[in-house]
Amino acid sequence: MSTPPDPTFVHGSKAELWIGTAGTPDTLAEVSERSNSTGLPLERDKADVSTFKSVFKKYVAGQLDGAMPMEGPLDPWLDGVLWDLATSSVSAKFRYRPMGAGTGKPQYDGYFIVTKYETSAETGSASTYSGELQIDSEVDRVVQ
């Protein structure tokens, strides 16, 4: 059995998020300084293949699916980008670095469509946005 390397932890504020726009879906624009929360939740389909006389259920793995949540303080430029993506059928590129940039850190690249977009404002706080980026293709994980 091999011994894993010592853990390396990074504060969440180091994360980076880049997205394409409706006009240039393959050209990434950094939105890290306009966002304060995101993630890459994945869920796998499964098919039940249990049979008679089985004590435990059995499954076969299916396809992966996911939608990246995204939120932060409302910015006019990003509002325009997300509005254009939400009101079009464009699939745009994303790049997500949950630990920021640097040697040995993970990076995820793929495509998405905007399936939810909301702006909100209330007295006593900053105006905000939230959205959901539905993964629309394979996601590649690389180590920087």
Foldseek 3Di string as FASTA:
>chain_A
DDDDDDDDDADQLQKWKWAAFQVGQEDTDTCSVFWDDKDWDKDWDWDWPDDPPDPDTDIDTHDIWTKMKIKGFDDVVVVVRLVRQQPDVDKHKMKIFRRHDDAFGKIKIAIWGWPDKDWDDDPPDGIMMMTITIGDDDIDIDGD
